[in-house]
Amino acid sequence: MDPVTGISLARIVLGVCAYLAPDLTAKLFGLSPAENAHLPYMSRMFGAREVALGGVTLVARGTARRNLALVGMAVDAADATTGALELKAKRIPLAAGGMLVAVAAGAVVSGGLALARNRG
């Protein structure tokens, strides 16, 4: 499977999970919906974004696909930065923050590797 396709499908799966089961998805990432009543709302917003970005990247071709993969990397870098900021402010547990930052940073690295591989 093409790496960009794999990343796009992973985005869609994560987005669908976050949208349809926001409490469960939050718990899997070590966050507590019980402590934040607004977490499901934010999870669904995140989920919708992931489905849209994954879907449009999946169907794009050529330069548009490359550019959308770059947009995905920028979004993932912003997510990693957000996680680091929340950790620094001690608003999320260390284990959850570490996982969130690692997943987002891993997506950035994976996107870069996928683009490098597709380049040739």
PDB file of N, CA and C in Angstrom:
ATOM      1  N   MET A   1       0.854  -1.184   0.000  1.00  0.00           N
ATOM      2  CA  MET A   1       0.000   0.000   0.000  1.00  0.00           C
ATOM      3  C   MET A   1       0.894   1.238   0.000  1.00  0.00           C
ATOM      4  N   ASP A   2       0.493   2.211  -0.770  1.00  0.00           N
ATOM      5  CA  ASP A   2       1.192   3.492  -0.811  1.00  0.00           C
ATOM      6  C   ASP A   2       1.143   4.132   0.576  1.00  0.00           C
ATOM      7  N   PRO A   3       2.272   4.667   1.079  1.00  0.00           N
ATOM      8  CA  PRO A   3       2.282   5.241   2.431  1.00  0.00           C
ATOM      9  C   PRO A   3       1.290   6.390   2.644  1.00  0.00           C
ATOM     10  N   VAL A   4       1.100   7.217   1.658  1.00  0.00           N
ATOM     11  CA  VAL A   4       0.141   8.322   1.805  1.00  0.00           C
ATOM     12  C   VAL A   4      -1.280   7.761   1.932  1.00  0.00           C
ATOM     13  N   THR A   5      -1.565   6.701   1.188  1.00  0.00           N
ATOM     14  CA  THR A   5      -2.857   6.039   1.310  1.00  0.00           C
ATOM     15  C   THR A   5      -3.032   5.477   2.721  1.00  0.00           C
ATOM     16  N   GLY A   6      -1.992   4.841   3.239  1.00  0.00           N
ATOM     17  CA  GLY A   6      -2.048   4.293   4.593  1.00  0.00           C
ATOM     18  C   GLY A   6      -2.312   5.361   5.639  1.00  0.00           C
ATOM     19  N   ILE A   7      -1.612   6.476   5.534  1.00  0.00           N
ATOM     20  CA  ILE A   7      -1.812   7.579   6.481  1.00  0.00           C
ATOM     21  C   ILE A   7      -3.232   8.138   6.346  1.00  0.00           C
ATOM     22  N   SER A   8      -3.703   8.253   5.122  1.00  0.00           N
ATOM     23  CA  SER A   8      -5.058   8.773   4.889  1.00  0.00           C
ATOM     24  C   SER A   8      -6.109   7.851   5.500  1.00  0.00           C
ATOM     25  N   LEU A   9      -5.941   6.551   5.316  1.00  0.00           N
ATOM     26  CA  LEU A   9      -6.889   5.596   5.892  1.00  0.00           C
ATOM     27  C   LEU A   9      -6.844   5.624   7.417  1.00  0.00           C
ATOM     28  N   ALA A  10      -5.644   5.730   7.990  1.00  0.00           N
ATOM     29  CA  ALA A  10      -5.516   5.814   9.449  1.00  0.00           C
ATOM     30  C   ALA A  10      -6.217   7.064   9.972  1.00  0.00           C
ATOM     31  N   ARG A  11      -6.077   8.174   9.258  1.00  0.00           N
ATOM     32  CA  ARG A  11      -6.764   9.416   9.631  1.00  0.00           C
ATOM     33  C   ARG A  11      -8.278   9.218   9.652  1.00  0.00           C
ATOM     34  N   ILE A  12      -8.783   8.569   8.609  1.00  0.00           N
ATOM     35  CA  ILE A  12     -10.221   8.351   8.498  1.00  0.00           C
ATOM     36  C   ILE A  12     -10.719   7.465   9.643  1.00  0.00           C
ATOM     37  N   VAL A  13     -10.003   6.381   9.918  1.00  0.00           N
ATOM     38  CA  VAL A  13     -10.408   5.477  11.005  1.00  0.00           C
ATOM     39  C   VAL A  13     -10.404   6.212  12.342  1.00  0.00           C
ATOM     40  N   LEU A  14      -9.320   6.943  12.623  1.00  0.00           N
ATOM     41  CA  LEU A  14      -9.241   7.697  13.876  1.00  0.00           C
ATOM     42  C   LEU A  14     -10.359   8.732  13.948  1.00  0.00           C
ATOM     43  N   GLY A  15     -10.615   9.411  12.844  1.00  0.00           N
ATOM     44  CA  GLY A  15     -11.671  10.424  12.812  1.00  0.00           C
ATOM     45  C   GLY A  15     -13.045   9.845  13.048  1.00  0.00           C
ATOM     46  N   VAL A  16     -13.341   8.721  12.430  1.00  0.00           N
ATOM     47  CA  VAL A  16     -14.639   8.076  12.617  1.00  0.00           C
ATOM     48  C   VAL A  16     -14.795   7.654  14.079  1.00  0.00           C
ATOM     49  N   CYS A  17     -13.740   7.077  14.641  1.00  0.00           N
ATOM     50  CA  CYS A  17     -13.790   6.670  16.059  1.00  0.00           C
ATOM     51  C   CYS A  17     -14.029   7.879  16.967  1.00  0.00           C
ATOM     52  N   ALA A  18     -13.293   8.961  16.739  1.00  0.00           N
ATOM     53  CA  ALA A  18     -13.441  10.159  17.569  1.00  0.00           C
ATOM     54  C   ALA A  18     -14.834  10.763  17.424  1.00  0.00           C
ATOM     55  N   TYR A  19     -15.401  10.688  16.229  1.00  0.00           N
ATOM     56  CA  TYR A  19     -16.713  11.269  16.003  1.00  0.00           C
ATOM     57  C   TYR A  19     -17.835  10.408  16.594  1.00  0.00           C
ATOM     58  N   LEU A  20     -17.755   9.094  16.363  1.00  0.00           N
ATOM     59  CA  LEU A  20     -18.836   8.205  16.790  1.00  0.00           C
ATOM     60  C   LEU A  20     -18.735   7.767  18.248  1.00  0.00           C
ATOM     61  N   ALA A  21     -17.518   7.698  18.767  1.00  0.00           N
ATOM     62  CA  ALA A  21     -17.316   7.248  20.151  1.00  0.00           C
ATOM     63  C   ALA A  21     -16.301   8.161  20.833  1.00  0.00           C
ATOM     64  N   PRO A  22     -16.660   9.434  21.024  1.00  0.00           N
ATOM     65  CA  PRO A  22     -15.683  10.389  21.543  1.00  0.00           C
ATOM     66  C   PRO A  22     -15.177  10.058  22.946  1.00  0.00           C
ATOM     67  N   ASP A  23     -16.056   9.559  23.817  1.00  0.00           N
ATOM     68  CA  ASP A  23     -15.608   9.225  25.173  1.00  0.00           C
ATOM     69  C   ASP A  23     -14.607   8.080  25.153  1.00  0.00           C
ATOM     70  N   LEU A  24     -14.915   7.033  24.403  1.00  0.00           N
ATOM     71  CA  LEU A  24     -14.009   5.889  24.317  1.00  0.00           C
ATOM     72  C   LEU A  24     -12.675   6.288  23.696  1.00  0.00           C
ATOM     73  N   THR A  25     -12.719   7.061  22.630  1.00  0.00           N
ATOM     74  CA  THR A  25     -11.486   7.494  21.970  1.00  0.00           C
ATOM     75  C   THR A  25     -10.643   8.329  22.922  1.00  0.00           C
ATOM     76  N   ALA A  26     -11.271   9.236  23.649  1.00  0.00           N
ATOM     77  CA  ALA A  26     -10.535  10.055  24.619  1.00  0.00           C
ATOM     78  C   ALA A  26      -9.881   9.173  25.675  1.00  0.00           C
ATOM     79  N   LYS A  27     -10.623   8.197  26.175  1.00  0.00           N
ATOM     80  CA  LYS A  27     -10.072   7.296  27.187  1.00  0.00           C
ATOM     81  C   LYS A  27      -8.891   6.499  26.651  1.00  0.00           C
ATOM     82  N   LEU A  28      -8.960   6.077  25.389  1.00  0.00           N
ATOM     83  CA  LEU A  28      -7.847   5.343  24.785  1.00  0.00           C
ATOM     84  C   LEU A  28      -6.581   6.191  24.729  1.00  0.00           C
ATOM     85  N   PHE A  29      -6.749   7.501  24.645  1.00  0.00           N
ATOM     86  CA  PHE A  29      -5.608   8.415  24.633  1.00  0.00           C
ATOM     87  C   PHE A  29      -5.263   8.917  26.034  1.00  0.00           C
ATOM     88  N   GLY A  30      -5.916   8.359  27.041  1.00  0.00           N
ATOM     89  CA  GLY A  30      -5.582   8.708  28.419  1.00  0.00           C
ATOM     90  C   GLY A  30      -6.230   9.975  28.934  1.00  0.00           C
ATOM     91  N   LEU A  31      -7.247  10.461  28.234  1.00  0.00           N
ATOM     92  CA  LEU A  31      -7.950  11.665  28.662  1.00  0.00           C
ATOM     93  C   LEU A  31      -9.243  11.269  29.369  1.00  0.00           C
ATOM     94  N   SER A  32      -9.746  12.138  30.220  1.00  0.00           N
ATOM     95  CA  SER A  32     -10.916  11.821  31.025  1.00  0.00           C
ATOM     96  C   SER A  32     -12.117  12.677  30.631  1.00  0.00           C
ATOM     97  N   PRO A  33     -13.068  12.096  29.895  1.00  0.00           N
ATOM     98  CA  PRO A  33     -14.283  12.845  29.574  1.00  0.00           C
ATOM     99  C   PRO A  33     -15.065  13.235  30.823  1.00  0.00           C
ATOM    100  N   ALA A  34     -14.950  12.444  31.883  1.00  0.00           N
ATOM    101  CA  ALA A  34     -15.667  12.746  33.130  1.00  0.00           C
ATOM    102  C   ALA A  34     -15.170  14.049  33.748  1.00  0.00           C
ATOM    103  N   GLU A  35     -13.915  14.374  33.522  1.00  0.00           N
ATOM    104  CA  GLU A  35     -13.339  15.604  34.076  1.00  0.00           C
ATOM    105  C   GLU A  35     -13.511  16.810  33.161  1.00  0.00           C
ATOM    106  N   ASN A  36     -13.968  16.579  31.937  1.00  0.00           N
ATOM    107  CA  ASN A  36     -14.144  17.684  31.002  1.00  0.00           C
ATOM    108  C   ASN A  36     -15.378  17.400  30.145  1.00  0.00           C
ATOM    109  N   ALA A  37     -16.471  18.032  30.503  1.00  0.00           N
ATOM    110  CA  ALA A  37     -17.738  17.799  29.809  1.00  0.00           C
ATOM    111  C   ALA A  37     -17.696  18.233  28.345  1.00  0.00           C
ATOM    112  N   HIS A  38     -16.742  19.064  27.972  1.00  0.00           N
ATOM    113  CA  HIS A  38     -16.653  19.560  26.598  1.00  0.00           C
ATOM    114  C   HIS A  38     -15.786  18.672  25.706  1.00  0.00           C
ATOM    115  N   LEU A  39     -15.148  17.676  26.288  1.00  0.00           N
ATOM    116  CA  LEU A  39     -14.247  16.825  25.526  1.00  0.00           C
ATOM    117  C   LEU A  39     -14.933  16.106  24.364  1.00  0.00           C
ATOM    118  N   PRO A  40     -16.148  15.564  24.531  1.00  0.00           N
ATOM    119  CA  PRO A  40     -16.796  14.923  23.377  1.00  0.00           C
ATOM    120  C   PRO A  40     -17.025  15.885  22.207  1.00  0.00           C
ATOM    121  N   TYR A  41     -17.383  17.110  22.520  1.00  0.00           N
ATOM    122  CA  TYR A  41     -17.585  18.106  21.467  1.00  0.00           C
ATOM    123  C   TYR A  41     -16.285  18.344  20.695  1.00  0.00           C
ATOM    124  N   MET A  42     -15.197  18.537  21.412  1.00  0.00           N
ATOM    125  CA  MET A  42     -13.906  18.780  20.774  1.00  0.00           C
ATOM    126  C   MET A  42     -13.426  17.534  20.026  1.00  0.00           C
ATOM    127  N   SER A  43     -13.712  16.363  20.583  1.00  0.00           N
ATOM    128  CA  SER A  43     -13.326  15.115  19.919  1.00  0.00           C
ATOM    129  C   SER A  43     -14.050  14.963  18.591  1.00  0.00           C
ATOM    130  N   ARG A  44     -15.318  15.320  18.575  1.00  0.00           N
ATOM    131  CA  ARG A  44     -16.078  15.216  17.324  1.00  0.00           C
ATOM    132  C   ARG A  44     -15.574  16.226  16.289  1.00  0.00           C
ATOM    133  N   MET A  45     -15.209  17.415  16.741  1.00  0.00           N
ATOM    134  CA  MET A  45     -14.631  18.391  15.804  1.00  0.00           C
ATOM    135  C   MET A  45     -13.328  17.839  15.221  1.00  0.00           C
ATOM    136  N   PHE A  46     -12.471  17.292  16.077  1.00  0.00           N
ATOM    137  CA  PHE A  46     -11.226  16.676  15.642  1.00  0.00           C
ATOM    138  C   PHE A  46     -11.517  15.537  14.660  1.00  0.00           C
ATOM    139  N   GLY A  47     -12.508  14.711  15.004  1.00  0.00           N
ATOM    140  CA  GLY A  47     -12.843  13.576  14.155  1.00  0.00           C
ATOM    141  C   GLY A  47     -13.298  14.000  12.772  1.00  0.00           C
ATOM    142  N   ALA A  48     -14.144  15.003  12.712  1.00  0.00           N
ATOM    143  CA  ALA A  48     -14.627  15.490  11.421  1.00  0.00           C
ATOM    144  C   ALA A  48     -13.464  16.011  10.577  1.00  0.00           C
ATOM    145  N   ARG A  49     -12.541  16.715  11.200  1.00  0.00           N
ATOM    146  CA  ARG A  49     -11.369  17.236  10.491  1.00  0.00           C
ATOM    147  C   ARG A  49     -10.522  16.095   9.945  1.00  0.00           C
ATOM    148  N   GLU A  50     -10.314  15.062  10.760  1.00  0.00           N
ATOM    149  CA  GLU A  50      -9.489  13.932  10.333  1.00  0.00           C
ATOM    150  C   GLU A  50     -10.133  13.178   9.171  1.00  0.00           C
ATOM    151  N   VAL A  51     -11.444  12.964   9.235  1.00  0.00           N
ATOM    152  CA  VAL A  51     -12.134  12.279   8.142  1.00  0.00           C
ATOM    153  C   VAL A  51     -12.035  13.102   6.861  1.00  0.00           C
ATOM    154  N   ALA A  52     -12.268  14.400   6.967  1.00  0.00           N
ATOM    155  CA  ALA A  52     -12.208  15.262   5.782  1.00  0.00           C
ATOM    156  C   ALA A  52     -10.806  15.280   5.177  1.00  0.00           C
ATOM    157  N   LEU A  53      -9.798  15.481   6.010  1.00  0.00           N
ATOM    158  CA  LEU A  53      -8.426  15.544   5.503  1.00  0.00           C
ATOM    159  C   LEU A  53      -7.986  14.199   4.929  1.00  0.00           C
ATOM    160  N   GLY A  54      -8.318  13.119   5.621  1.00  0.00           N
ATOM    161  CA  GLY A  54      -7.965  11.796   5.114  1.00  0.00           C
ATOM    162  C   GLY A  54      -8.675  11.483   3.810  1.00  0.00           C
ATOM    163  N   GLY A  55      -9.968  11.798   3.754  1.00  0.00           N
ATOM    164  CA  GLY A  55     -10.745  11.510   2.551  1.00  0.00           C
ATOM    165  C   GLY A  55     -10.288  12.287   1.336  1.00  0.00           C
ATOM    166  N   VAL A  56     -10.071  13.569   1.493  1.00  0.00           N
ATOM    167  CA  VAL A  56      -9.666  14.382   0.352  1.00  0.00           C
ATOM    168  C   VAL A  56      -8.250  14.003  -0.110  1.00  0.00           C
ATOM    169  N   THR A  57      -7.380  13.656   0.817  1.00  0.00           N
ATOM    170  CA  THR A  57      -6.031  13.219   0.441  1.00  0.00           C
ATOM    171  C   THR A  57      -6.094  11.883  -0.284  1.00  0.00           C
ATOM    172  N   LEU A  58      -6.963  11.012   0.179  1.00  0.00           N
ATOM    173  CA  LEU A  58      -7.106   9.687  -0.417  1.00  0.00           C
ATOM    174  C   LEU A  58      -7.507   9.758  -1.891  1.00  0.00           C
ATOM    175  N   VAL A  59      -8.384  10.676  -2.235  1.00  0.00           N
ATOM    176  CA  VAL A  59      -8.873  10.749  -3.616  1.00  0.00           C
ATOM    177  C   VAL A  59      -8.049  11.690  -4.502  1.00  0.00           C
ATOM    178  N   ALA A  60      -7.185  12.494  -3.910  1.00  0.00           N
ATOM    179  CA  ALA A  60      -6.386  13.445  -4.693  1.00  0.00           C
ATOM    180  C   ALA A  60      -5.283  12.716  -5.457  1.00  0.00           C
ATOM    181  N   ARG A  61      -4.790  13.343  -6.476  1.00  0.00           N
ATOM    182  CA  ARG A  61      -3.702  12.789  -7.291  1.00  0.00           C
ATOM    183  C   ARG A  61      -2.662  13.868  -7.565  1.00  0.00           C
ATOM    184  N   GLY A  62      -1.454  13.441  -7.886  1.00  0.00           N
ATOM    185  CA  GLY A  62      -0.390  14.342  -8.313  1.00  0.00           C
ATOM    186  C   GLY A  62      -0.002  15.368  -7.267  1.00  0.00           C
ATOM    187  N   THR A  63       0.166  16.596  -7.733  1.00  0.00           N
ATOM    188  CA  THR A  63       0.602  17.690  -6.869  1.00  0.00           C
ATOM    189  C   THR A  63      -0.408  17.971  -5.758  1.00  0.00           C
ATOM    190  N   ALA A  64      -1.687  17.829  -6.064  1.00  0.00           N
ATOM    191  CA  ALA A  64      -2.713  18.066  -5.038  1.00  0.00           C
ATOM    192  C   ALA A  64      -2.553  17.073  -3.891  1.00  0.00           C
ATOM    193  N   ARG A  65      -2.265  15.826  -4.215  1.00  0.00           N
ATOM    194  CA  ARG A  65      -2.075  14.799  -3.178  1.00  0.00           C
ATOM    195  C   ARG A  65      -0.860  15.125  -2.323  1.00  0.00           C
ATOM    196  N   ARG A  66       0.221  15.522  -2.971  1.00  0.00           N
ATOM    197  CA  ARG A  66       1.436  15.903  -2.241  1.00  0.00           C
ATOM    198  C   ARG A  66       1.155  17.092  -1.326  1.00  0.00           C
ATOM    199  N   ASN A  67       0.476  18.095  -1.852  1.00  0.00           N
ATOM    200  CA  ASN A  67       0.169  19.284  -1.051  1.00  0.00           C
ATOM    201  C   ASN A  67      -0.747  18.953   0.128  1.00  0.00           C
ATOM    202  N   LEU A  68      -1.704  18.083  -0.074  1.00  0.00           N
ATOM    203  CA  LEU A  68      -2.586  17.680   1.022  1.00  0.00           C
ATOM    204  C   LEU A  68      -1.829  16.875   2.068  1.00  0.00           C
ATOM    205  N   ALA A  69      -0.868  16.067   1.636  1.00  0.00           N
ATOM    206  CA  ALA A  69      -0.030  15.349   2.604  1.00  0.00           C
ATOM    207  C   ALA A  69       0.777  16.352   3.430  1.00  0.00           C
ATOM    208  N   LEU A  70       1.252  17.408   2.792  1.00  0.00           N
ATOM    209  CA  LEU A  70       1.969  18.465   3.530  1.00  0.00           C
ATOM    210  C   LEU A  70       1.040  19.172   4.518  1.00  0.00           C
ATOM    211  N   VAL A  71      -0.194  19.433   4.106  1.00  0.00           N
ATOM    212  CA  VAL A  71      -1.171  20.040   5.020  1.00  0.00           C
ATOM    213  C   VAL A  71      -1.395  19.114   6.216  1.00  0.00           C
ATOM    214  N   GLY A  72      -1.521  17.821   5.951  1.00  0.00           N
ATOM    215  CA  GLY A  72      -1.673  16.853   7.037  1.00  0.00           C
ATOM    216  C   GLY A  72      -0.489  16.892   7.991  1.00  0.00           C
ATOM    217  N   MET A  73       0.710  16.992   7.455  1.00  0.00           N
ATOM    218  CA  MET A  73       1.899  17.081   8.304  1.00  0.00           C
ATOM    219  C   MET A  73       1.863  18.355   9.152  1.00  0.00           C
ATOM    220  N   ALA A  74       1.413  19.457   8.572  1.00  0.00           N
ATOM    221  CA  ALA A  74       1.331  20.717   9.322  1.00  0.00           C
ATOM    222  C   ALA A  74       0.298  20.603  10.447  1.00  0.00           C
ATOM    223  N   VAL A  75      -0.844  19.980  10.164  1.00  0.00           N
ATOM    224  CA  VAL A  75      -1.877  19.779  11.182  1.00  0.00           C
ATOM    225  C   VAL A  75      -1.335  18.893  12.298  1.00  0.00           C
ATOM    226  N   ASP A  76      -0.632  17.824  11.917  1.00  0.00           N
ATOM    227  CA  ASP A  76      -0.071  16.913  12.923  1.00  0.00           C
ATOM    228  C   ASP A  76       1.011  17.607  13.752  1.00  0.00           C
ATOM    229  N   ALA A  77       1.804  18.463  13.122  1.00  0.00           N
ATOM    230  CA  ALA A  77       2.815  19.225  13.871  1.00  0.00           C
ATOM    231  C   ALA A  77       2.137  20.171  14.862  1.00  0.00           C
ATOM    232  N   ALA A  78       1.041  20.780  14.445  1.00  0.00           N
ATOM    233  CA  ALA A  78       0.289  21.647  15.360  1.00  0.00           C
ATOM    234  C   ALA A  78      -0.288  20.837  16.515  1.00  0.00           C
ATOM    235  N   ASP A  79      -0.766  19.627  16.223  1.00  0.00           N
ATOM    236  CA  ASP A  79      -1.285  18.759  17.287  1.00  0.00           C
ATOM    237  C   ASP A  79      -0.178  18.381  18.274  1.00  0.00           C
ATOM    238  N   ALA A  80       1.002  18.061  17.764  1.00  0.00           N
ATOM    239  CA  ALA A  80       2.134  17.723  18.639  1.00  0.00           C
ATOM    240  C   ALA A  80       2.511  18.922  19.508  1.00  0.00           C
ATOM    241  N   THR A  81       2.529  20.095  18.915  1.00  0.00           N
ATOM    242  CA  THR A  81       2.850  21.310  19.662  1.00  0.00           C
ATOM    243  C   THR A  81       1.797  21.579  20.731  1.00  0.00           C
ATOM    244  N   THR A  82       0.537  21.384  20.376  1.00  0.00           N
ATOM    245  CA  THR A  82      -0.543  21.566  21.346  1.00  0.00           C
ATOM    246  C   THR A  82      -0.372  20.622  22.534  1.00  0.00           C
ATOM    247  N   GLY A  83      -0.061  19.372  22.234  1.00  0.00           N
ATOM    248  CA  GLY A  83       0.166  18.407  23.300  1.00  0.00           C
ATOM    249  C   GLY A  83       1.309  18.832  24.214  1.00  0.00           C
ATOM    250  N   ALA A  84       2.389  19.310  23.613  1.00  0.00           N
ATOM    251  CA  ALA A  84       3.541  19.760  24.409  1.00  0.00           C
ATOM    252  C   ALA A  84       3.171  20.961  25.278  1.00  0.00           C
ATOM    253  N   LEU A  85       2.404  21.889  24.721  1.00  0.00           N
ATOM    254  CA  LEU A  85       1.979  23.058  25.494  1.00  0.00           C
ATOM    255  C   LEU A  85       1.070  22.662  26.654  1.00  0.00           C
ATOM    256  N   GLU A  86       0.159  21.725  26.399  1.00  0.00           N
ATOM    257  CA  GLU A  86      -0.746  21.268  27.460  1.00  0.00           C
ATOM    258  C   GLU A  86       0.021  20.509  28.540  1.00  0.00           C
ATOM    259  N   LEU A  87       1.026  19.753  28.143  1.00  0.00           N
ATOM    260  CA  LEU A  87       1.884  19.080  29.129  1.00  0.00           C
ATOM    261  C   LEU A  87       2.616  20.095  29.988  1.00  0.00           C
ATOM    262  N   LYS A  88       3.191  21.088  29.334  1.00  0.00           N
ATOM    263  CA  LYS A  88       3.940  22.119  30.054  1.00  0.00           C
ATOM    264  C   LYS A  88       3.044  22.851  31.053  1.00  0.00           C
ATOM    265  N   ALA A  89       1.800  23.101  30.666  1.00  0.00           N
ATOM    266  CA  ALA A  89       0.849  23.795  31.544  1.00  0.00           C
ATOM    267  C   ALA A  89       0.227  22.848  32.571  1.00  0.00           C
ATOM    268  N   LYS A  90       0.562  21.575  32.467  1.00  0.00           N
ATOM    269  CA  LYS A  90       0.060  20.543  33.396  1.00  0.00           C
ATOM    270  C   LYS A  90      -1.465  20.433  33.367  1.00  0.00           C
ATOM    271  N   ARG A  91      -2.034  20.578  32.160  1.00  0.00           N
ATOM    272  CA  ARG A  91      -3.483  20.445  32.009  1.00  0.00           C
ATOM    273  C   ARG A  91      -3.900  19.047  31.570  1.00  0.00           C
ATOM    274  N   ILE A  92      -2.911  18.228  31.192  1.00  0.00           N
ATOM    275  CA  ILE A  92      -3.199  16.837  30.848  1.00  0.00           C
ATOM    276  C   ILE A  92      -2.182  15.939  31.549  1.00  0.00           C
ATOM    277  N   PRO A  93      -2.573  14.700  31.842  1.00  0.00           N
ATOM    278  CA  PRO A  93      -1.647  13.787  32.514  1.00  0.00           C
ATOM    279  C   PRO A  93      -0.408  13.514  31.658  1.00  0.00           C
ATOM    280  N   LEU A  94       0.706  13.263  32.312  1.00  0.00           N
ATOM    281  CA  LEU A  94       1.972  13.026  31.625  1.00  0.00           C
ATOM    282  C   LEU A  94       1.873  11.889  30.616  1.00  0.00           C
ATOM    283  N   ALA A  95       1.307  10.763  31.027  1.00  0.00           N
ATOM    284  CA  ALA A  95       1.215   9.611  30.120  1.00  0.00           C
ATOM    285  C   ALA A  95       0.354   9.941  28.900  1.00  0.00           C
ATOM    286  N   ALA A  96      -0.786  10.595  29.125  1.00  0.00           N
ATOM    287  CA  ALA A  96      -1.667  10.956  28.009  1.00  0.00           C
ATOM    288  C   ALA A  96      -0.981  11.951  27.090  1.00  0.00           C
ATOM    289  N   GLY A  97      -0.367  12.960  27.667  1.00  0.00           N
ATOM    290  CA  GLY A  97       0.319  13.967  26.859  1.00  0.00           C
ATOM    291  C   GLY A  97       1.448  13.369  26.058  1.00  0.00           C
ATOM    292  N   GLY A  98       2.201  12.497  26.703  1.00  0.00           N
ATOM    293  CA  GLY A  98       3.296  11.843  25.991  1.00  0.00           C
ATOM    294  C   GLY A  98       2.796  11.039  24.808  1.00  0.00           C
ATOM    295  N   MET A  99       1.696  10.314  25.009  1.00  0.00           N
ATOM    296  CA  MET A  99       1.132   9.522  23.927  1.00  0.00           C
ATOM    297  C   MET A  99       0.609  10.418  22.809  1.00  0.00           C
ATOM    298  N   LEU A 100      -0.086  11.482  23.179  1.00  0.00           N
ATOM    299  CA  LEU A 100      -0.636  12.387  22.166  1.00  0.00           C
ATOM    300  C   LEU A 100       0.467  13.043  21.342  1.00  0.00           C
ATOM    301  N   VAL A 101       1.518  13.493  22.020  1.00  0.00           N
ATOM    302  CA  VAL A 101       2.639  14.111  21.308  1.00  0.00           C
ATOM    303  C   VAL A 101       3.333  13.077  20.425  1.00  0.00           C
ATOM    304  N   ALA A 102       3.544  11.876  20.955  1.00  0.00           N
ATOM    305  CA  ALA A 102       4.234  10.837  20.184  1.00  0.00           C
ATOM    306  C   ALA A 102       3.440  10.440  18.936  1.00  0.00           C
ATOM    307  N   VAL A 103       2.130  10.291  19.076  1.00  0.00           N
ATOM    308  CA  VAL A 103       1.301   9.917  17.924  1.00  0.00           C
ATOM    309  C   VAL A 103       1.343  11.017  16.862  1.00  0.00           C
ATOM    310  N   ALA A 104       1.185  12.263  17.278  1.00  0.00           N
ATOM    311  CA  ALA A 104       1.194  13.374  16.318  1.00  0.00           C
ATOM    312  C   ALA A 104       2.569  13.539  15.673  1.00  0.00           C
ATOM    313  N   ALA A 105       3.626  13.459  16.470  1.00  0.00           N
ATOM    314  CA  ALA A 105       4.979  13.586  15.913  1.00  0.00           C
ATOM    315  C   ALA A 105       5.282  12.410  14.991  1.00  0.00           C
ATOM    316  N   GLY A 106       4.811  11.227  15.377  1.00  0.00           N
ATOM    317  CA  GLY A 106       4.989  10.061  14.511  1.00  0.00           C
ATOM    318  C   GLY A 106       4.296  10.232  13.174  1.00  0.00           C
ATOM    319  N   ALA A 107       3.135  10.870  13.189  1.00  0.00           N
ATOM    320  CA  ALA A 107       2.417  11.130  11.940  1.00  0.00           C
ATOM    321  C   ALA A 107       3.187  12.112  11.059  1.00  0.00           C
ATOM    322  N   VAL A 108       3.835  13.093  11.664  1.00  0.00           N
ATOM    323  CA  VAL A 108       4.654  14.032  10.890  1.00  0.00           C
ATOM    324  C   VAL A 108       5.802  13.283  10.222  1.00  0.00           C
ATOM    325  N   VAL A 109       6.493  12.475  10.994  1.00  0.00           N
ATOM    326  CA  VAL A 109       7.623  11.704  10.454  1.00  0.00           C
ATOM    327  C   VAL A 109       7.135  10.752   9.363  1.00  0.00           C
ATOM    328  N   SER A 110       6.035  10.056   9.624  1.00  0.00           N
ATOM    329  CA  SER A 110       5.482   9.132   8.626  1.00  0.00           C
ATOM    330  C   SER A 110       5.108   9.858   7.325  1.00  0.00           C
ATOM    331  N   GLY A 111       4.516  11.029   7.484  1.00  0.00           N
ATOM    332  CA  GLY A 111       4.174  11.813   6.293  1.00  0.00           C
ATOM    333  C   GLY A 111       5.407  12.213   5.506  1.00  0.00           C
ATOM    334  N   GLY A 112       6.437  12.627   6.204  1.00  0.00           N
ATOM    335  CA  GLY A 112       7.685  12.993   5.523  1.00  0.00           C
ATOM    336  C   GLY A 112       8.299  11.814   4.810  1.00  0.00           C
ATOM    337  N   LEU A 113       8.314  10.665   5.458  1.00  0.00           N
ATOM    338  CA  LEU A 113       8.837   9.445   4.823  1.00  0.00           C
ATOM    339  C   LEU A 113       8.000   9.037   3.616  1.00  0.00           C
ATOM    340  N   ALA A 114       6.688   9.174   3.748  1.00  0.00           N
ATOM    341  CA  ALA A 114       5.810   8.830   2.631  1.00  0.00           C
ATOM    342  C   ALA A 114       6.062   9.735   1.439  1.00  0.00           C
ATOM    343  N   LEU A 115       6.219  11.010   1.691  1.00  0.00           N
ATOM    344  CA  LEU A 115       6.490  11.943   0.584  1.00  0.00           C
ATOM    345  C   LEU A 115       7.862  11.662  -0.034  1.00  0.00           C
ATOM    346  N   ALA A 116       8.832  11.371   0.784  1.00  0.00           N
ATOM    347  CA  ALA A 116      10.172  11.060   0.256  1.00  0.00           C
ATOM    348  C   ALA A 116      10.120   9.788  -0.595  1.00  0.00           C
ATOM    349  N   ARG A 117       9.380   8.807  -0.134  1.00  0.00           N
ATOM    350  CA  ARG A 117       9.273   7.549  -0.878  1.00  0.00           C
ATOM    351  C   ARG A 117       8.563   7.754  -2.220  1.00  0.00           C
ATOM    352  N   ASN A 118       7.529   8.569  -2.222  1.00  0.00           N
ATOM    353  CA  ASN A 118       6.776   8.825  -3.445  1.00  0.00           C
ATOM    354  C   ASN A 118       7.549   9.682  -4.435  1.00  0.00           C
ATOM    355  N   ARG A 119       8.520  10.394  -3.917  1.00  0.00           N
ATOM    356  CA  ARG A 119       9.320  11.260  -4.787  1.00  0.00           C
ATOM    357  C   ARG A 119      10.238  10.409  -5.668  1.00  0.00           C
ATOM    358  N   GLY A 120      10.588   9.248  -5.127  1.00  0.00           N
ATOM    359  CA  GLY A 120      11.279   8.433  -5.991  1.00  0.00           C
ATOM    360  C   GLY A 120      12.462   7.735  -5.818  1.00  0.00           C
TER     361      GLY A 120
END
